[in-house]
Amino acid sequence: MSKWRNYQLQEIAEITMGQSPKGEFTNENGVGTPLLNGPTEFQSRFPMPVKYTTDPKKIAMKGDILWCVRGSTVGRRNFADQKYAIGRGLASIRSKYGQSHTEFIGMLLDFKLKHILSGATGSTFPNISKEQLYKFEFQLPDLEQQMKLAEILITFDNKIEINRQINETLEEMAMAIYKHWFVDFGPFQDGEFIESELGMIPKGWEIHSIYDLADYINGKAFKTKDLHEQGSLPVIKIAELKSGISQNTKYYNGDYHIKHEINNGDVLFAWSASLGVYLWSKGKAMLNQHIFNVQPKNGTIGKSFIYFMLKRLIEKFVQIAASRATTMGHITKEHLVNEKITLPPYEIFEEIQEKLNEYYKLIVSNSKELEQLINTRNYLLPKFLSGEIDLSRTEEKVGNGM
């Protein structure tokens, strides 16, 4: 085994701490450089900026790690897919040895996150200083072996990203079908339409409140004393819906009502603060409050229709929550009752729901495979870093199509 030693992050990476421009130089009109202030703009891999600045102070370049250094989201990361101005909540990190090694550093930061957080300042909301970030230490083999390890792990990351892209495409195709049938009434344009409270709809269609189409089961309000670092069932909060189960995830070992349990294929609707609709694929878990497990009420409406229906409506709900926000905007039962859609006679509905089911099953299956890849990668990393796995032999297997 090659010689191992402790490396400080500043030895292997260039680091830029963010600095926010003045408000007078920011806009939401696309003028200037895209501006990132924190994880609110983060997606699965690349951010989606909503603000811009004509006076950027600190810059992240394409390929850099975007790493949160302030608040409850310290340690969350994305990669820069273009040049960004970064605010004080972020740092950009770039390896001195190329893009593959930059991605490797991102994995190291994830792996050491719990240790990193233990050294953060601030009791309620941790902060990582420039000095702390520069002096993060990792025990690593020599650079040649680091690069081999990076190549192996990036093989997994590439497969993970391909699976994510496939799911995005499947969702786009399914949403196009949903809109064609249930919004534009495409197949029925030559038929008879009648006036309704929702405007002109095909004759024979009926109006339903979305609240009546499903059961919206809220998660459990867990007490802090009942949550542990390890256990049998992870507790799923909004952070887990966005980023997956991580070292920050808490576990519950006590008794619970079956209604608070979630399983693969369940449709989850985060109705408070950071609203969103998610298809769960990470195994049996417990659902925290502020998230609905949306279950079909009868045999007519299936999970696939519920999922695409809520995905279609989520932007409207986000706007409603934002308009009534004080400290934390949210959706109420009244909003669900008042939101109405039109549905065709059962024979027609059954036909289109079968098409949506095909996409839904593919997305669930692909998501489960994606989780297996993530779990395998996360299992291998500590094995590599402990020297339990021989890098040269593993590299040979990957090269042969592991």
Protein backbone atom coordinates (compact mmCIF):
# COMPACT_ATOMS: atom_id res chain seq x y z
CA MET A 1 0.00 0.00 0.00
CA SER A 2 1.28 3.47 -0.89
CA LYS A 3 2.33 5.88 1.82
CA TRP A 4 -0.57 7.66 3.50
CA ARG A 5 -0.49 10.99 5.29
CA ASN A 6 -2.74 13.84 6.40
CA TYR A 7 -3.48 16.48 3.77
CA GLN A 8 -5.01 19.85 4.60
CA LEU A 9 -7.66 20.98 2.14
CA GLN A 10 -5.57 24.03 1.23
CA GLU A 11 -2.77 21.72 0.03
CA ILE A 12 -4.89 20.09 -2.61
CA ALA A 13 -7.47 22.75 -3.49
CA GLU A 14 -8.00 26.41 -4.34
CA ILE A 15 -10.68 27.87 -2.06
CA THR A 16 -12.74 31.05 -2.49
CA MET A 17 -15.00 32.31 0.29
CA GLY A 18 -18.13 34.04 -0.95
CA GLN A 19 -18.92 37.72 -0.54
CA SER A 20 -22.37 39.16 -1.18
CA PRO A 21 -22.77 42.18 -3.47
CA LYS A 22 -24.89 45.10 -2.32
CA GLY A 23 -28.61 44.77 -2.92
CA GLU A 24 -28.65 47.73 -5.29
CA PHE A 25 -26.50 45.71 -7.71
CA THR A 26 -28.71 42.58 -7.71
CA ASN A 27 -31.74 41.80 -9.86
CA GLU A 28 -34.03 38.98 -10.98
CA ASN A 29 -34.07 40.06 -14.62
CA GLY A 30 -31.08 38.07 -15.82
CA VAL A 31 -28.77 41.08 -15.99
CA GLY A 32 -25.12 40.41 -15.12
CA THR A 33 -23.58 37.31 -13.51
CA PRO A 34 -25.80 34.60 -11.95
CA LEU A 35 -25.68 35.01 -8.16
CA LEU A 36 -25.86 32.18 -5.61
CA ASN A 37 -26.42 33.00 -1.95
CA GLY A 38 -26.93 29.52 -0.50
CA PRO A 39 -28.63 26.15 -0.90
CA THR A 40 -32.06 27.58 -1.76
CA GLU A 41 -30.84 27.57 -5.37
CA PHE A 42 -29.37 24.05 -5.17
CA GLN A 43 -30.77 21.13 -7.19
CA SER A 44 -29.59 17.50 -7.34
CA ARG A 45 -26.23 18.44 -8.92
CA PHE A 46 -26.28 21.93 -10.47
CA PRO A 47 -27.93 25.04 -9.01
CA MET A 48 -30.77 27.02 -10.55
CA PRO A 49 -30.05 30.73 -10.02
CA VAL A 50 -32.87 33.21 -9.49
CA LYS A 51 -30.79 36.34 -8.89
CA TYR A 52 -28.07 38.14 -10.83
CA THR A 53 -25.54 40.84 -10.02
CA THR A 54 -23.78 43.52 -12.03
CA ASP A 55 -21.10 43.82 -9.34
CA PRO A 56 -19.80 40.29 -8.55
CA LYS A 57 -17.37 40.20 -5.62
CA LYS A 58 -16.29 36.55 -5.55
CA ILE A 59 -16.45 34.10 -8.43
CA ALA A 60 -16.90 30.33 -8.78
CA MET A 61 -15.85 28.86 -12.12
CA LYS A 62 -17.44 26.03 -14.05
CA GLY A 63 -16.63 22.69 -12.41
CA ASP A 64 -16.07 24.13 -8.92
CA ILE A 65 -17.66 22.63 -5.82
CA LEU A 66 -20.25 25.01 -4.36
CA TRP A 67 -20.17 24.32 -0.61
CA CYS A 68 -22.43 25.82 2.08
CA VAL A 69 -20.53 27.37 4.98
CA ARG A 70 -23.29 29.02 7.02
CA GLY A 71 -26.43 28.02 8.88
CA SER A 72 -28.28 24.73 9.25
CA THR A 73 -27.29 23.61 5.73
CA VAL A 74 -23.50 23.66 6.25
CA GLY A 75 -21.98 20.96 4.08
CA ARG A 76 -24.60 20.82 1.35
CA ARG A 77 -22.97 20.99 -2.06
CA ASN A 78 -23.58 21.38 -5.76
CA PHE A 79 -21.26 21.80 -8.72
CA ALA A 80 -21.01 24.96 -10.81
CA ASP A 81 -22.23 24.36 -14.37
CA GLN A 82 -21.19 27.90 -15.38
CA LYS A 83 -19.52 30.98 -13.92
CA TYR A 84 -21.28 32.24 -10.76
CA ALA A 85 -21.00 35.09 -8.29
CA ILE A 86 -21.13 33.56 -4.81
CA GLY A 87 -22.51 35.20 -1.68
CA ARG A 88 -21.26 34.87 1.89
CA GLY A 89 -23.16 31.62 2.51
CA LEU A 90 -21.01 29.70 0.03
CA ALA A 91 -17.43 28.79 -0.76
CA SER A 92 -16.09 27.49 -4.06
CA ILE A 93 -13.54 24.68 -4.00
CA ARG A 94 -11.40 23.62 -6.96
CA SER A 95 -8.74 20.91 -6.93
CA LYS A 96 -5.22 21.82 -7.97
CA TYR A 97 -5.14 18.56 -9.96
CA GLY A 98 -8.12 18.73 -12.34
CA GLN A 99 -11.87 18.14 -12.49
CA SER A 100 -11.82 14.44 -11.54
CA HIS A 101 -9.92 15.29 -8.38
CA THR A 102 -12.37 18.14 -7.66
CA GLU A 103 -15.22 15.62 -7.67
CA PHE A 104 -13.17 13.37 -5.40
CA ILE A 105 -12.76 16.25 -2.93
CA GLY A 106 -16.54 16.71 -2.96
CA MET A 107 -16.97 13.09 -1.88
CA LEU A 108 -14.33 13.53 0.83
CA LEU A 109 -16.22 16.51 2.21
CA ASP A 110 -19.43 14.47 2.30
CA PHE A 111 -17.65 11.59 4.02
CA LYS A 112 -16.12 13.81 6.72
CA LEU A 113 -19.17 16.04 7.17
CA LYS A 114 -20.10 14.88 10.67
CA HIS A 115 -16.55 15.53 11.87
CA ILE A 116 -16.53 18.89 10.11
CA LEU A 117 -19.79 19.94 11.76
CA SER A 118 -18.47 19.01 15.19
CA GLY A 119 -15.84 21.75 14.78
CA ALA A 120 -18.21 24.38 13.44
CA THR A 121 -18.89 27.50 15.48
CA GLY A 122 -22.38 28.53 16.54
CA SER A 123 -24.75 26.56 18.76
CA THR A 124 -27.98 26.78 16.74
CA PHE A 125 -26.70 27.51 13.25
CA PRO A 126 -23.13 26.34 12.63
CA ASN A 127 -20.69 28.37 10.58
CA ILE A 128 -17.43 27.34 8.95
CA SER A 129 -14.73 30.00 8.86
CA LYS A 130 -12.12 30.44 6.14
CA GLU A 131 -9.41 29.21 8.52
CA GLN A 132 -11.40 26.08 9.44
CA LEU A 133 -12.13 25.26 5.81
CA TYR A 134 -8.50 25.67 4.77
CA LYS A 135 -7.31 23.36 7.56
CA PHE A 136 -9.76 20.47 7.06
CA GLU A 137 -7.61 17.32 7.14
CA PHE A 138 -8.00 14.08 5.22
CA GLN A 139 -5.82 11.00 5.53
CA LEU A 140 -5.03 9.99 1.97
CA PRO A 141 -2.60 7.93 -0.10
CA ASP A 142 -0.25 9.62 -2.56
CA LEU A 143 -1.65 11.65 -5.45
CA GLU A 144 -1.43 8.79 -7.96
CA GLN A 145 -3.61 6.59 -5.78
CA GLN A 146 -5.99 9.48 -5.09
CA MET A 147 -6.51 9.89 -8.83
CA LYS A 148 -7.19 6.17 -9.25
CA LEU A 149 -9.71 6.31 -6.43
CA ALA A 150 -11.34 9.39 -7.99
CA GLU A 151 -11.75 7.59 -11.34
CA ILE A 152 -13.42 4.60 -9.67
CA LEU A 153 -15.88 6.67 -7.65
CA ILE A 154 -16.67 8.95 -10.60
CA THR A 155 -17.71 5.83 -12.53
CA PHE A 156 -20.50 5.47 -9.98
CA ASP A 157 -21.31 9.18 -10.01
CA ASN A 158 -21.62 9.16 -13.80
CA LYS A 159 -24.06 6.26 -13.67
CA ILE A 160 -26.00 8.04 -10.94
CA GLU A 161 -26.24 11.20 -13.03
CA ILE A 162 -27.38 9.23 -16.10
CA ASN A 163 -30.17 7.65 -14.03
CA ARG A 164 -31.23 11.09 -12.80
CA GLN A 165 -31.33 12.41 -16.36
CA ILE A 166 -33.38 9.43 -17.52
CA ASN A 167 -35.90 10.07 -14.74
CA GLU A 168 -36.12 13.74 -15.67
CA THR A 169 -36.87 12.76 -19.27
CA LEU A 170 -39.50 10.21 -18.20
CA GLU A 171 -41.19 12.81 -16.00
CA GLU A 172 -41.20 15.37 -18.80
CA MET A 173 -42.80 12.85 -21.17
CA ALA A 174 -45.43 11.82 -18.61
CA MET A 175 -46.21 15.45 -17.74
CA ALA A 176 -46.67 16.25 -21.43
CA ILE A 177 -49.23 13.43 -21.70
CA TYR A 178 -51.00 14.59 -18.52
CA LYS A 179 -51.25 18.17 -19.82
CA HIS A 180 -52.42 17.01 -23.26
CA TRP A 181 -55.32 15.05 -21.74
CA PHE A 182 -56.33 16.83 -18.55
CA VAL A 183 -55.42 20.48 -19.23
CA ASP A 184 -55.61 21.00 -22.99
CA PHE A 185 -58.22 18.26 -23.60
CA GLY A 186 -56.29 17.47 -26.78
CA PRO A 187 -58.06 14.21 -27.80
CA PHE A 188 -61.51 15.84 -27.31
CA GLN A 189 -61.18 19.08 -29.27
CA ASP A 190 -63.63 17.88 -31.92
CA GLY A 191 -66.23 16.89 -29.34
CA GLU A 192 -68.89 18.85 -27.47
CA PHE A 193 -67.82 21.23 -24.66
CA ILE A 194 -69.94 22.70 -21.86
CA GLU A 195 -69.53 25.69 -19.55
CA SER A 196 -68.34 24.99 -15.98
CA GLU A 197 -66.82 26.79 -12.99
CA LEU A 198 -63.42 25.90 -14.48
CA GLY A 199 -64.32 27.18 -17.94
CA MET A 200 -65.20 25.09 -20.96
CA ILE A 201 -64.74 21.34 -20.39
CA PRO A 202 -65.63 18.26 -22.47
CA LYS A 203 -69.21 17.11 -22.03
CA GLY A 204 -69.45 14.17 -19.62
CA TRP A 205 -66.41 15.24 -17.56
CA GLU A 206 -66.86 15.98 -13.86
CA ILE A 207 -65.21 18.47 -11.51
CA HIS A 208 -63.49 17.15 -8.36
CA SER A 209 -61.65 18.74 -5.46
CA ILE A 210 -58.16 17.28 -5.25
CA TYR A 211 -58.73 16.88 -1.51
CA ASP A 212 -61.49 14.34 -2.26
CA LEU A 213 -59.29 12.30 -4.59
CA ALA A 214 -56.71 11.22 -1.99
CA ASP A 215 -55.86 10.97 1.70
CA TYR A 216 -53.29 13.57 2.78
CA ILE A 217 -51.61 11.90 5.77
CA ASN A 218 -49.34 14.22 7.75
CA GLY A 219 -46.05 12.96 9.19
CA LYS A 220 -45.36 12.48 12.89
CA ALA A 221 -44.22 15.34 15.16
CA PHE A 222 -41.12 13.70 16.61
CA LYS A 223 -39.62 14.83 19.88
CA THR A 224 -35.91 15.59 19.83
CA LYS A 225 -35.24 13.12 22.66
CA ASP A 226 -36.68 10.28 20.53
CA LEU A 227 -34.29 10.84 17.61
CA HIS A 228 -30.89 9.13 17.50
CA GLU A 229 -27.71 9.02 15.44
CA GLN A 230 -28.38 5.40 14.46
CA GLY A 231 -31.41 3.16 14.40
CA SER A 232 -33.77 1.03 12.40
CA LEU A 233 -35.82 3.68 10.58
CA PRO A 234 -34.56 7.02 9.22
CA VAL A 235 -36.78 10.03 9.89
CA ILE A 236 -37.51 11.85 6.66
CA LYS A 237 -37.63 15.63 6.82
CA ILE A 238 -37.65 18.06 3.90
CA ALA A 239 -33.83 18.00 3.85
CA GLU A 240 -33.91 14.24 3.12
CA LEU A 241 -36.45 14.76 0.34
CA LYS A 242 -34.10 17.23 -1.32
CA SER A 243 -30.70 15.66 -0.76
CA GLY A 244 -31.30 12.08 0.36
CA ILE A 245 -30.38 10.26 3.56
CA SER A 246 -27.07 11.55 4.90
CA GLN A 247 -24.87 11.66 7.97
CA ASN A 248 -27.18 14.33 9.36
CA THR A 249 -30.27 12.11 9.18
CA LYS A 250 -31.77 11.09 12.53
CA TYR A 251 -33.32 7.71 13.33
CA TYR A 252 -36.35 6.58 15.35
CA ASN A 253 -36.47 3.32 17.30
CA GLY A 254 -39.76 3.61 19.21
CA ASP A 255 -43.35 2.59 18.62
CA TYR A 256 -45.28 4.31 15.88
CA HIS A 257 -48.56 4.29 14.00
CA ILE A 258 -48.41 2.54 10.62
CA LYS A 259 -49.76 5.70 8.93
CA HIS A 260 -46.42 7.43 9.60
CA GLU A 261 -44.45 4.77 7.73
CA ILE A 262 -43.42 5.34 4.09
CA ASN A 263 -42.22 2.87 1.47
CA ASN A 264 -40.92 2.87 -2.09
CA GLY A 265 -43.40 4.36 -4.55
CA ASP A 266 -45.17 6.61 -2.04
CA VAL A 267 -46.03 10.15 -3.14
CA LEU A 268 -44.77 12.77 -0.65
CA PHE A 269 -45.91 16.38 -0.62
CA ALA A 270 -43.87 18.86 1.47
CA TRP A 271 -46.57 21.42 2.28
CA SER A 272 -44.65 23.85 4.50
CA ALA A 273 -41.62 26.14 4.04
CA SER A 274 -39.90 24.55 1.02
CA LEU A 275 -42.83 23.07 -0.92
CA GLY A 276 -42.33 20.17 -3.31
CA VAL A 277 -43.66 16.84 -4.59
CA TYR A 278 -41.44 13.76 -4.38
CA LEU A 279 -41.58 10.10 -5.30
CA TRP A 280 -40.02 8.11 -2.43
CA SER A 281 -37.52 5.38 -3.39
CA LYS A 282 -35.14 5.04 -0.43
CA GLY A 283 -36.80 2.18 1.42
CA LYS A 284 -38.89 1.90 4.57
CA ALA A 285 -38.73 5.04 6.70
CA MET A 286 -40.65 7.33 9.07
CA LEU A 287 -42.22 10.56 7.84
CA ASN A 288 -41.75 13.80 9.76
CA GLN A 289 -44.41 16.47 10.16
CA HIS A 290 -44.90 19.13 7.45
CA ILE A 291 -44.92 16.40 4.79
CA PHE A 292 -48.01 14.59 3.49
CA ASN A 293 -47.96 10.96 2.39
CA VAL A 294 -50.61 11.23 -0.33
CA GLN A 295 -52.45 7.93 -0.67
CA PRO A 296 -55.26 6.96 -3.10
CA LYS A 297 -58.71 6.96 -1.49
CA ASN A 298 -60.21 4.23 -3.67
CA GLY A 299 -59.34 1.83 -6.45
CA THR A 300 -60.10 4.32 -9.22
CA ILE A 301 -57.37 6.90 -8.66
CA GLY A 302 -53.83 5.48 -8.51
CA LYS A 303 -50.54 6.86 -7.21
CA SER A 304 -49.30 7.65 -10.70
CA PHE A 305 -52.17 10.05 -11.38
CA ILE A 306 -51.82 11.64 -7.92
CA TYR A 307 -48.09 12.17 -8.47
CA PHE A 308 -48.39 13.86 -11.88
CA MET A 309 -51.44 15.85 -10.75
CA LEU A 310 -49.54 17.34 -7.79
CA LYS A 311 -46.41 17.92 -9.90
CA ARG A 312 -48.59 19.91 -12.29
CA LEU A 313 -50.03 21.99 -9.42
CA ILE A 314 -46.93 22.50 -7.26
CA GLU A 315 -45.90 25.88 -8.73
CA LYS A 316 -49.36 27.24 -7.98
CA PHE A 317 -49.10 26.02 -4.38
CA VAL A 318 -45.63 27.57 -4.05
CA GLN A 319 -47.06 30.92 -5.10
CA ILE A 320 -49.96 30.58 -2.65
CA ALA A 321 -47.59 29.76 0.21
CA ALA A 322 -45.27 32.64 -0.67
CA SER A 323 -48.15 35.14 -0.78
CA ARG A 324 -49.27 34.29 2.76
CA ALA A 325 -45.85 33.73 4.31
CA THR A 326 -44.91 35.38 7.58
CA THR A 327 -42.04 33.25 8.80
CA MET A 328 -42.91 30.03 6.98
CA GLY A 329 -45.43 29.82 4.15
CA HIS A 330 -47.54 26.69 3.91
CA ILE A 331 -50.57 25.07 2.30
CA THR A 332 -53.75 24.44 4.31
CA LYS A 333 -56.61 21.96 3.97
CA GLU A 334 -58.71 24.80 2.58
CA HIS A 335 -56.30 25.25 -0.35
CA LEU A 336 -56.54 21.53 -1.18
CA VAL A 337 -60.34 21.60 -0.94
CA ASN A 338 -60.59 24.64 -3.19
CA GLU A 339 -58.20 23.29 -5.85
CA LYS A 340 -60.31 21.49 -8.45
CA ILE A 341 -59.66 19.49 -11.60
CA THR A 342 -61.81 17.80 -14.22
CA LEU A 343 -61.88 14.05 -14.84
CA PRO A 344 -63.40 12.09 -17.73
CA PRO A 345 -65.75 9.08 -17.45
CA TYR A 346 -64.07 6.03 -15.89
CA GLU A 347 -63.49 4.16 -19.17
CA ILE A 348 -61.53 7.07 -20.62
CA PHE A 349 -59.74 7.78 -17.36
CA GLU A 350 -58.64 4.17 -16.97
CA GLU A 351 -57.05 4.23 -20.43
CA ILE A 352 -54.91 7.31 -19.78
CA GLN A 353 -54.05 6.28 -16.23
CA GLU A 354 -52.56 3.05 -17.59
CA LYS A 355 -50.22 5.11 -19.76
CA LEU A 356 -49.20 7.22 -16.77
CA ASN A 357 -48.67 4.01 -14.74
CA GLU A 358 -46.09 2.80 -17.26
CA TYR A 359 -44.00 5.95 -16.79
CA TYR A 360 -44.51 5.88 -13.03
CA LYS A 361 -43.27 2.29 -12.71
CA LEU A 362 -40.20 3.07 -14.81
CA ILE A 363 -39.40 6.10 -12.64
CA VAL A 364 -39.81 4.07 -9.42
CA SER A 365 -37.64 1.24 -10.75
CA ASN A 366 -34.98 3.62 -12.03
CA SER A 367 -35.00 5.54 -8.74
CA LYS A 368 -34.44 2.33 -6.76
CA GLU A 369 -31.47 1.46 -8.99
CA LEU A 370 -30.14 4.99 -8.48
CA GLU A 371 -30.34 4.53 -4.69
CA GLN A 372 -28.45 1.23 -4.94
CA LEU A 373 -25.66 2.98 -6.87
CA ILE A 374 -25.48 5.75 -4.27
CA ASN A 375 -25.40 3.25 -1.41
CA THR A 376 -22.66 1.21 -3.11
CA ARG A 377 -20.54 4.30 -3.72
CA ASN A 378 -21.03 5.45 -0.13
CA TYR A 379 -20.10 1.98 1.12
CA LEU A 380 -16.94 1.81 -0.97
CA LEU A 381 -15.53 5.24 -0.06
CA PRO A 382 -14.71 4.48 3.61
CA LYS A 383 -13.38 1.05 2.58
CA PHE A 384 -11.01 2.72 0.14
CA LEU A 385 -9.96 5.38 2.62
CA SER A 386 -9.24 2.81 5.32
CA GLY A 387 -7.09 0.76 2.91
CA GLU A 388 -9.40 -2.27 3.21
CA ILE A 389 -9.83 -2.40 -0.57
CA ASP A 390 -6.82 -2.72 -2.86
CA LEU A 391 -7.05 0.19 -5.29
CA SER A 392 -5.12 -1.40 -8.14
CA ARG A 393 -7.23 -4.57 -8.16
CA THR A 394 -10.48 -2.59 -7.92
CA GLU A 395 -9.37 -0.31 -10.72
CA GLU A 396 -8.84 -3.37 -12.90
CA LYS A 397 -12.37 -4.62 -12.18
CA VAL A 398 -13.92 -1.22 -12.98
CA GLY A 399 -11.95 -1.09 -16.22
CA ASN A 400 -13.42 -4.46 -17.16
CA GLY A 401 -16.97 -3.19 -16.60
CA MET A 402 -17.68 -3.69 -12.90
